[in-house]
């Protein structure tokens, strides 16, 4: 028999440690393994804004499994069926995009929780259960699942405290790209108005007792959000890093 795998990311959130991560969008197991070997605390496989889906995320999670990095999966939307599949494939941390209210946050919580408290569908012979080798998996699984919800609209900003108050939300991520669009600065995530909104959101999330997260490719913004209290932070995207590195060689 096999013990329920521990979620190092969730433990790090509880300890209040700064967890540095990277956005992963390239559908290649060798790139994923290379990234996993670099020492990041977490790497996020993004199925919302990339060519990735459940079928392609599986081998990427398998590729990074030998390394001490926590894989996070972002589904395409707040879709209980899609979230269920990602969890069954072994994801233990989910970042759900476009959560705009406490009601939507509660649906996200229910989607990662088995009945009677939630609506996650039950299956026994999955990668998550180590193919039926983890005793008591279904009763204990939620202890090691971290649910992150993403606030990235004006409505979500208004509802931060309500979202943070939903039991089962383990962290709140501030999405800079869509937030910039919502504030009238589409394509300008480092615009002063957007940065001010991000910093205000991070401070409110922390004040509400939840860990806050941000992705920014701008080092100055990254430093500011960390100073504001963000504890899970990504400062790069694999595709952007590849483009930047190759361009510098030209």
C-alpha atoms as a PDB file:
ATOM      1  CA  UNK A   1       0.000   0.000   0.000  1.00  0.00           C
ATOM      2  CA  UNK A   2       1.055   3.624  -0.582  1.00  0.00           C
ATOM      3  CA  UNK A   3       0.691   6.685   1.639  1.00  0.00           C
ATOM      4  CA  UNK A   4      -1.316   9.663   0.419  1.00  0.00           C
ATOM      5  CA  UNK A   5       1.243  11.951  -1.277  1.00  0.00           C
ATOM      6  CA  UNK A   6       1.971  15.133   0.632  1.00  0.00           C
ATOM      7  CA  UNK A   7       1.381  18.492  -1.018  1.00  0.00           C
ATOM      8  CA  UNK A   8       4.508  20.560  -0.392  1.00  0.00           C
ATOM      9  CA  UNK A   9       2.879  23.640  -1.907  1.00  0.00           C
ATOM     10  CA  UNK A  10      -0.077  23.501   0.484  1.00  0.00           C
ATOM     11  CA  UNK A  11       2.302  23.009   3.402  1.00  0.00           C
ATOM     12  CA  UNK A  12       4.335  26.001   2.263  1.00  0.00           C
ATOM     13  CA  UNK A  13       1.197  28.154   2.085  1.00  0.00           C
ATOM     14  CA  UNK A  14       0.293  27.177   5.647  1.00  0.00           C
ATOM     15  CA  UNK A  15       3.791  28.094   6.823  1.00  0.00           C
ATOM     16  CA  UNK A  16       3.651  31.467   5.068  1.00  0.00           C
ATOM     17  CA  UNK A  17       6.833  30.774   3.122  1.00  0.00           C
ATOM     18  CA  UNK A  18       7.641  32.585  -0.120  1.00  0.00           C
ATOM     19  CA  UNK A  19       7.052  30.022  -2.875  1.00  0.00           C
ATOM     20  CA  UNK A  20       8.602  30.887  -6.224  1.00  0.00           C
ATOM     21  CA  UNK A  21       7.171  29.356  -9.364  1.00  0.00           C
ATOM     22  CA  UNK A  22       7.082  29.459 -13.135  1.00  0.00           C
ATOM     23  CA  UNK A  23       4.278  29.309 -15.721  1.00  0.00           C
ATOM     24  CA  UNK A  24       4.528  26.278 -18.027  1.00  0.00           C
ATOM     25  CA  UNK A  25       2.798  26.308 -21.410  1.00  0.00           C
ATOM     26  CA  UNK A  26       5.085  24.241 -23.660  1.00  0.00           C
ATOM     27  CA  UNK A  27       3.731  20.795 -24.490  1.00  0.00           C
ATOM     28  CA  UNK A  28       7.006  18.921 -24.179  1.00  0.00           C
ATOM     29  CA  UNK A  29       8.031  16.489 -21.446  1.00  0.00           C
ATOM     30  CA  UNK A  30      11.743  17.252 -21.773  1.00  0.00           C
ATOM     31  CA  UNK A  31      11.143  20.983 -21.322  1.00  0.00           C
ATOM     32  CA  UNK A  32       8.922  20.247 -18.322  1.00  0.00           C
ATOM     33  CA  UNK A  33      11.576  18.000 -16.776  1.00  0.00           C
ATOM     34  CA  UNK A  34      14.314  20.575 -17.376  1.00  0.00           C
ATOM     35  CA  UNK A  35      12.169  23.244 -15.721  1.00  0.00           C
ATOM     36  CA  UNK A  36      11.424  20.957 -12.779  1.00  0.00           C
ATOM     37  CA  UNK A  37      15.150  20.441 -12.211  1.00  0.00           C
ATOM     38  CA  UNK A  38      15.898  24.151 -11.750  1.00  0.00           C
ATOM     39  CA  UNK A  39      14.739  24.513  -8.147  1.00  0.00           C
ATOM     40  CA  UNK A  40      11.359  26.238  -8.404  1.00  0.00           C
ATOM     41  CA  UNK A  41       8.911  25.508  -5.596  1.00  0.00           C
ATOM     42  CA  UNK A  42       6.078  25.076  -8.096  1.00  0.00           C
ATOM     43  CA  UNK A  43       5.327  25.118 -11.790  1.00  0.00           C
ATOM     44  CA  UNK A  44       1.911  25.788 -13.232  1.00  0.00           C
ATOM     45  CA  UNK A  45       0.644  23.864 -16.239  1.00  0.00           C
ATOM     46  CA  UNK A  46      -1.728  26.247 -17.948  1.00  0.00           C
ATOM     47  CA  UNK A  47      -4.576  24.687 -19.924  1.00  0.00           C
ATOM     48  CA  UNK A  48      -6.489  27.986 -20.136  1.00  0.00           C
ATOM     49  CA  UNK A  49      -4.153  29.928 -22.432  1.00  0.00           C
ATOM     50  CA  UNK A  50      -2.058  27.266 -24.168  1.00  0.00           C
ATOM     51  CA  UNK A  51      -2.347  24.152 -26.306  1.00  0.00           C
ATOM     52  CA  UNK A  52      -2.390  21.986 -23.172  1.00  0.00           C
ATOM     53  CA  UNK A  53      -5.370  19.890 -22.079  1.00  0.00           C
ATOM     54  CA  UNK A  54      -5.944  16.968 -19.716  1.00  0.00           C
ATOM     55  CA  UNK A  55      -4.417  14.449 -22.117  1.00  0.00           C
ATOM     56  CA  UNK A  56      -1.231  16.485 -22.621  1.00  0.00           C
ATOM     57  CA  UNK A  57      -0.884  17.583 -18.982  1.00  0.00           C
ATOM     58  CA  UNK A  58      -0.661  13.973 -17.781  1.00  0.00           C
ATOM     59  CA  UNK A  59       2.772  13.203 -19.297  1.00  0.00           C
ATOM     60  CA  UNK A  60       4.053  16.584 -18.118  1.00  0.00           C
ATOM     61  CA  UNK A  61       3.068  15.765 -14.520  1.00  0.00           C
ATOM     62  CA  UNK A  62       4.711  12.364 -14.924  1.00  0.00           C
ATOM     63  CA  UNK A  63       7.887  14.030 -16.223  1.00  0.00           C
ATOM     64  CA  UNK A  64       8.230  16.317 -13.187  1.00  0.00           C
ATOM     65  CA  UNK A  65       7.200  13.729 -10.581  1.00  0.00           C
ATOM     66  CA  UNK A  66      10.803  12.746  -9.616  1.00  0.00           C
ATOM     67  CA  UNK A  67      11.658  16.342  -8.703  1.00  0.00           C
ATOM     68  CA  UNK A  68      10.826  18.312  -5.530  1.00  0.00           C
ATOM     69  CA  UNK A  69       8.569  20.756  -7.376  1.00  0.00           C
ATOM     70  CA  UNK A  70       4.803  20.991  -6.934  1.00  0.00           C
ATOM     71  CA  UNK A  71       2.830  20.852 -10.194  1.00  0.00           C
ATOM     72  CA  UNK A  72      -0.201  23.144 -10.280  1.00  0.00           C
ATOM     73  CA  UNK A  73      -2.827  22.810 -12.993  1.00  0.00           C
ATOM     74  CA  UNK A  74      -5.012  25.631 -14.254  1.00  0.00           C
ATOM     75  CA  UNK A  75      -8.152  24.292 -15.937  1.00  0.00           C
ATOM     76  CA  UNK A  76      -9.703  26.176 -18.812  1.00  0.00           C
ATOM     77  CA  UNK A  77     -12.582  27.383 -16.662  1.00  0.00           C
ATOM     78  CA  UNK A  78     -14.585  26.746 -13.516  1.00  0.00           C
ATOM     79  CA  UNK A  79     -15.813  23.417 -14.893  1.00  0.00           C
ATOM     80  CA  UNK A  80     -16.393  20.679 -12.284  1.00  0.00           C
ATOM     81  CA  UNK A  81     -16.027  17.919 -14.901  1.00  0.00           C
ATOM     82  CA  UNK A  82     -12.687  19.269 -16.127  1.00  0.00           C
ATOM     83  CA  UNK A  83     -11.420  19.813 -12.581  1.00  0.00           C
ATOM     84  CA  UNK A  84     -12.466  16.259 -11.655  1.00  0.00           C
ATOM     85  CA  UNK A  85     -10.420  14.844 -14.516  1.00  0.00           C
ATOM     86  CA  UNK A  86      -7.315  16.842 -13.566  1.00  0.00           C
ATOM     87  CA  UNK A  87      -7.597  15.655  -9.965  1.00  0.00           C
ATOM     88  CA  UNK A  88      -8.013  12.030 -11.021  1.00  0.00           C
ATOM     89  CA  UNK A  89      -4.872  12.384 -13.143  1.00  0.00           C
ATOM     90  CA  UNK A  90      -2.976  13.297  -9.981  1.00  0.00           C
ATOM     91  CA  UNK A  91      -3.040  17.075  -9.706  1.00  0.00           C
ATOM     92  CA  UNK A  92      -3.138  18.116  -6.061  1.00  0.00           C
ATOM     93  CA  UNK A  93      -3.170  21.877  -6.569  1.00  0.00           C
ATOM     94  CA  UNK A  94      -5.662  23.631  -8.840  1.00  0.00           C
ATOM     95  CA  UNK A  95      -5.784  27.282  -9.885  1.00  0.00           C
ATOM     96  CA  UNK A  96      -9.328  28.022 -11.046  1.00  0.00           C
ATOM     97  CA  UNK A  97      -9.579  31.085 -13.322  1.00  0.00           C
ATOM     98  CA  UNK A  98     -12.237  33.777 -13.477  1.00  0.00           C
ATOM     99  CA  UNK A  99     -13.779  33.376 -10.018  1.00  0.00           C
ATOM    100  CA  UNK A 100     -15.907  36.476  -9.532  1.00  0.00           C
ATOM    101  CA  UNK A 101     -18.004  35.812  -6.445  1.00  0.00           C
ATOM    102  CA  UNK A 102     -18.308  33.827  -3.240  1.00  0.00           C
ATOM    103  CA  UNK A 103     -20.832  31.587  -5.002  1.00  0.00           C
ATOM    104  CA  UNK A 104     -18.353  30.717  -7.742  1.00  0.00           C
ATOM    105  CA  UNK A 105     -15.616  30.170  -5.147  1.00  0.00           C
ATOM    106  CA  UNK A 106     -17.933  27.773  -3.315  1.00  0.00           C
ATOM    107  CA  UNK A 107     -18.495  25.840  -6.559  1.00  0.00           C
ATOM    108  CA  UNK A 108     -14.732  25.581  -7.012  1.00  0.00           C
ATOM    109  CA  UNK A 109     -14.405  24.230  -3.475  1.00  0.00           C
ATOM    110  CA  UNK A 110     -17.178  21.709  -4.093  1.00  0.00           C
ATOM    111  CA  UNK A 111     -15.471  20.610  -7.311  1.00  0.00           C
ATOM    112  CA  UNK A 112     -12.333  19.477  -5.443  1.00  0.00           C
ATOM    113  CA  UNK A 113     -14.242  17.882  -2.563  1.00  0.00           C
ATOM    114  CA  UNK A 114     -15.935  14.492  -2.443  1.00  0.00           C
ATOM    115  CA  UNK A 115     -19.577  14.135  -1.308  1.00  0.00           C
ATOM    116  CA  UNK A 116     -21.328  14.709   0.927  1.00  0.00           C
ATOM    117  CA  UNK A 117     -19.472  18.017   1.373  1.00  0.00           C
ATOM    118  CA  UNK A 118     -18.742  18.449  -2.352  1.00  0.00           C
ATOM    119  CA  UNK A 119     -19.519  17.224  -5.842  1.00  0.00           C
ATOM    120  CA  UNK A 120     -16.252  15.627  -7.025  1.00  0.00           C
ATOM    121  CA  UNK A 121     -17.052  12.385  -8.824  1.00  0.00           C
ATOM    122  CA  UNK A 122     -15.709   9.202  -7.261  1.00  0.00           C
ATOM    123  CA  UNK A 123     -13.393   6.832  -9.093  1.00  0.00           C
ATOM    124  CA  UNK A 124     -11.057   4.262  -7.566  1.00  0.00           C
ATOM    125  CA  UNK A 125      -8.510   3.179 -10.166  1.00  0.00           C
ATOM    126  CA  UNK A 126      -6.816   6.502 -10.927  1.00  0.00           C
ATOM    127  CA  UNK A 127      -3.329   7.970 -10.851  1.00  0.00           C
ATOM    128  CA  UNK A 128      -4.460  10.095  -7.889  1.00  0.00           C
ATOM    129  CA  UNK A 129      -5.150   6.933  -5.840  1.00  0.00           C
ATOM    130  CA  UNK A 130      -1.903   5.361  -7.072  1.00  0.00           C
ATOM    131  CA  UNK A 131      -4.196   2.948  -8.875  1.00  0.00           C
ATOM    132  CA  UNK A 132      -6.150   1.951  -5.779  1.00  0.00           C
ATOM    133  CA  UNK A 133      -3.014   1.659  -3.629  1.00  0.00           C
ATOM    134  CA  UNK A 134      -3.661   4.584  -1.233  1.00  0.00           C
ATOM    135  CA  UNK A 135      -5.823   3.311   1.615  1.00  0.00           C
ATOM    136  CA  UNK A 136      -8.639   5.687   2.566  1.00  0.00           C
ATOM    137  CA  UNK A 137      -7.808   8.034  -0.313  1.00  0.00           C
ATOM    138  CA  UNK A 138     -11.345   9.315  -0.820  1.00  0.00           C
ATOM    139  CA  UNK A 139     -11.772  10.291   2.825  1.00  0.00           C
ATOM    140  CA  UNK A 140      -8.356  11.945   3.130  1.00  0.00           C
ATOM    141  CA  UNK A 141      -7.734  13.403  -0.340  1.00  0.00           C
ATOM    142  CA  UNK A 142      -8.960  16.940   0.411  1.00  0.00           C
ATOM    143  CA  UNK A 143      -6.341  17.321   3.154  1.00  0.00           C
ATOM    144  CA  UNK A 144      -3.625  17.390   0.493  1.00  0.00           C
ATOM    145  CA  UNK A 145      -5.500  19.280  -2.229  1.00  0.00           C
ATOM    146  CA  UNK A 146      -4.836  23.013  -2.467  1.00  0.00           C
ATOM    147  CA  UNK A 147      -7.488  25.123  -4.144  1.00  0.00           C
ATOM    148  CA  UNK A 148      -6.431  28.480  -5.527  1.00  0.00           C
ATOM    149  CA  UNK A 149      -8.962  30.815  -7.106  1.00  0.00           C
ATOM    150  CA  UNK A 150      -8.165  33.595  -9.516  1.00  0.00           C
ATOM    151  CA  UNK A 151      -9.528  37.139  -9.219  1.00  0.00           C
ATOM    152  CA  UNK A 152      -9.065  39.081 -12.447  1.00  0.00           C
ATOM    153  CA  UNK A 153     -12.122  41.278 -13.033  1.00  0.00           C
ATOM    154  CA  UNK A 154     -13.588  44.384 -11.452  1.00  0.00           C
ATOM    155  CA  UNK A 155     -16.383  42.268  -9.954  1.00  0.00           C
ATOM    156  CA  UNK A 156     -13.853  39.880  -8.432  1.00  0.00           C
ATOM    157  CA  UNK A 157     -11.877  42.742  -6.908  1.00  0.00           C
ATOM    158  CA  UNK A 158     -15.044  44.010  -5.262  1.00  0.00           C
ATOM    159  CA  UNK A 159     -15.704  40.528  -3.864  1.00  0.00           C
ATOM    160  CA  UNK A 160     -12.237  39.692  -2.504  1.00  0.00           C
ATOM    161  CA  UNK A 161     -13.286  39.592   1.135  1.00  0.00           C
ATOM    162  CA  UNK A 162     -16.361  37.483   0.341  1.00  0.00           C
ATOM    163  CA  UNK A 163     -14.285  35.060  -1.730  1.00  0.00           C
ATOM    164  CA  UNK A 164     -11.630  34.824   0.972  1.00  0.00           C
ATOM    165  CA  UNK A 165     -14.296  33.960   3.534  1.00  0.00           C
ATOM    166  CA  UNK A 166     -15.401  30.833   1.644  1.00  0.00           C
ATOM    167  CA  UNK A 167     -14.248  27.743   3.592  1.00  0.00           C
ATOM    168  CA  UNK A 168     -11.924  25.596   1.526  1.00  0.00           C
ATOM    169  CA  UNK A 169     -10.270  28.369  -0.491  1.00  0.00           C
ATOM    170  CA  UNK A 170      -6.556  27.906   0.186  1.00  0.00           C
ATOM    171  CA  UNK A 171      -5.211  30.909  -1.707  1.00  0.00           C
ATOM    172  CA  UNK A 172      -6.186  33.719  -4.067  1.00  0.00           C
ATOM    173  CA  UNK A 173      -4.272  34.611  -7.207  1.00  0.00           C
ATOM    174  CA  UNK A 174      -4.449  38.043  -8.818  1.00  0.00           C
ATOM    175  CA  UNK A 175      -4.488  37.665 -12.615  1.00  0.00           C
ATOM    176  CA  UNK A 176      -2.660  40.646 -14.133  1.00  0.00           C
ATOM    177  CA  UNK A 177      -3.526  40.259 -17.830  1.00  0.00           C
ATOM    178  CA  UNK A 178      -7.306  40.109 -17.537  1.00  0.00           C
ATOM    179  CA  UNK A 179      -7.248  42.615 -14.699  1.00  0.00           C
ATOM    180  CA  UNK A 180      -5.416  45.040 -16.982  1.00  0.00           C
ATOM    181  CA  UNK A 181      -8.100  44.559 -19.617  1.00  0.00           C
ATOM    182  CA  UNK A 182     -10.855  45.080 -17.048  1.00  0.00           C
ATOM    183  CA  UNK A 183      -9.256  48.353 -16.000  1.00  0.00           C
ATOM    184  CA  UNK A 184      -9.016  49.630 -19.581  1.00  0.00           C
ATOM    185  CA  UNK A 185      -5.338  48.834 -20.094  1.00  0.00           C
ATOM    186  CA  UNK A 186      -5.466  45.639 -22.136  1.00  0.00           C
ATOM    187  CA  UNK A 187      -1.994  44.337 -22.929  1.00  0.00           C
ATOM    188  CA  UNK A 188      -0.411  46.578 -20.261  1.00  0.00           C
ATOM    189  CA  UNK A 189      -0.118  44.498 -17.069  1.00  0.00           C
ATOM    190  CA  UNK A 190       2.611  46.825 -15.758  1.00  0.00           C
ATOM    191  CA  UNK A 191       0.538  50.003 -16.203  1.00  0.00           C
ATOM    192  CA  UNK A 192       0.644  52.026 -12.955  1.00  0.00           C
ATOM    193  CA  UNK A 193      -3.133  51.729 -12.495  1.00  0.00           C
ATOM    194  CA  UNK A 194      -2.961  47.954 -12.893  1.00  0.00           C
ATOM    195  CA  UNK A 195      -0.006  47.604 -10.549  1.00  0.00           C
ATOM    196  CA  UNK A 196      -1.784  49.740  -7.947  1.00  0.00           C
ATOM    197  CA  UNK A 197      -4.876  47.528  -8.235  1.00  0.00           C
ATOM    198  CA  UNK A 198      -2.754  44.383  -7.915  1.00  0.00           C
ATOM    199  CA  UNK A 199      -0.960  45.672  -4.837  1.00  0.00           C
ATOM    200  CA  UNK A 200      -4.248  46.713  -3.258  1.00  0.00           C
ATOM    201  CA  UNK A 201      -5.740  43.301  -4.002  1.00  0.00           C
ATOM    202  CA  UNK A 202      -2.738  41.483  -2.517  1.00  0.00           C
ATOM    203  CA  UNK A 203      -2.923  43.533   0.665  1.00  0.00           C
ATOM    204  CA  UNK A 204      -6.661  42.875   1.014  1.00  0.00           C
ATOM    205  CA  UNK A 205      -6.220  39.149   0.425  1.00  0.00           C
ATOM    206  CA  UNK A 206      -3.522  38.962   3.083  1.00  0.00           C
ATOM    207  CA  UNK A 207      -5.604  41.075   5.473  1.00  0.00           C
ATOM    208  CA  UNK A 208      -8.471  38.605   4.935  1.00  0.00           C
ATOM    209  CA  UNK A 209      -6.198  35.792   6.095  1.00  0.00           C
ATOM    210  CA  UNK A 210      -5.463  34.087   2.783  1.00  0.00           C
ATOM    211  CA  UNK A 211      -2.195  33.587   0.885  1.00  0.00           C
ATOM    212  CA  UNK A 212      -1.930  35.795  -2.195  1.00  0.00           C
ATOM    213  CA  UNK A 213      -0.280  35.000  -5.509  1.00  0.00           C
ATOM    214  CA  UNK A 214       0.768  36.928  -8.620  1.00  0.00           C
ATOM    215  CA  UNK A 215       2.429  36.302 -11.991  1.00  0.00           C
ATOM    216  CA  UNK A 216       4.464  39.186 -13.422  1.00  0.00           C
ATOM    217  CA  UNK A 217       7.302  39.219 -15.928  1.00  0.00           C
ATOM    218  CA  UNK A 218       8.268  42.680 -14.702  1.00  0.00           C
ATOM    219  CA  UNK A 219      10.954  42.321 -11.973  1.00  0.00           C
ATOM    220  CA  UNK A 220       9.985  45.641 -10.407  1.00  0.00           C
ATOM    221  CA  UNK A 221       6.356  44.533 -10.079  1.00  0.00           C
ATOM    222  CA  UNK A 222       7.419  41.156  -8.693  1.00  0.00           C
ATOM    223  CA  UNK A 223       9.421  42.894  -5.978  1.00  0.00           C
ATOM    224  CA  UNK A 224       6.470  45.125  -5.116  1.00  0.00           C
ATOM    225  CA  UNK A 225       3.921  42.320  -4.814  1.00  0.00           C
ATOM    226  CA  UNK A 226       6.282  40.350  -2.566  1.00  0.00           C
ATOM    227  CA  UNK A 227       6.736  43.417  -0.395  1.00  0.00           C
ATOM    228  CA  UNK A 228       2.927  43.762  -0.285  1.00  0.00           C
ATOM    229  CA  UNK A 229       2.672  40.231   1.106  1.00  0.00           C
ATOM    230  CA  UNK A 230       2.266  37.860  -1.840  1.00  0.00           C
ATOM    231  CA  UNK A 231       3.673  34.434  -0.986  1.00  0.00           C
ATOM    232  CA  UNK A 232       3.273  32.397  -4.184  1.00  0.00           C
ATOM    233  CA  UNK A 233       4.830  34.318  -7.020  1.00  0.00           C
ATOM    234  CA  UNK A 234       5.845  33.521 -10.594  1.00  0.00           C
ATOM    235  CA  UNK A 235       8.223  35.792 -12.463  1.00  0.00           C
ATOM    236  CA  UNK A 236       8.379  34.064 -15.833  1.00  0.00           C
ATOM    237  CA  UNK A 237       6.635  31.926 -18.459  1.00  0.00           C
ATOM    238  CA  UNK A 238       8.564  29.149 -20.183  1.00  0.00           C
ATOM    239  CA  UNK A 239       7.624  30.371 -23.670  1.00  0.00           C
ATOM    240  CA  UNK A 240       8.608  33.954 -22.823  1.00  0.00           C
ATOM    241  CA  UNK A 241      11.906  32.802 -21.339  1.00  0.00           C
ATOM    242  CA  UNK A 242      12.663  30.793 -24.476  1.00  0.00           C
ATOM    243  CA  UNK A 243      11.879  33.720 -26.759  1.00  0.00           C
ATOM    244  CA  UNK A 244      13.878  36.152 -24.631  1.00  0.00           C
ATOM    245  CA  UNK A 245      16.890  33.858 -24.415  1.00  0.00           C
ATOM    246  CA  UNK A 246      17.001  33.117 -28.119  1.00  0.00           C
ATOM    247  CA  UNK A 247      16.436  36.754 -29.075  1.00  0.00           C
ATOM    248  CA  UNK A 248      19.386  37.821 -26.922  1.00  0.00           C
ATOM    249  CA  UNK A 249      21.591  35.464 -28.944  1.00  0.00           C
ATOM    250  CA  UNK A 250      20.731  37.106 -32.252  1.00  0.00           C
END
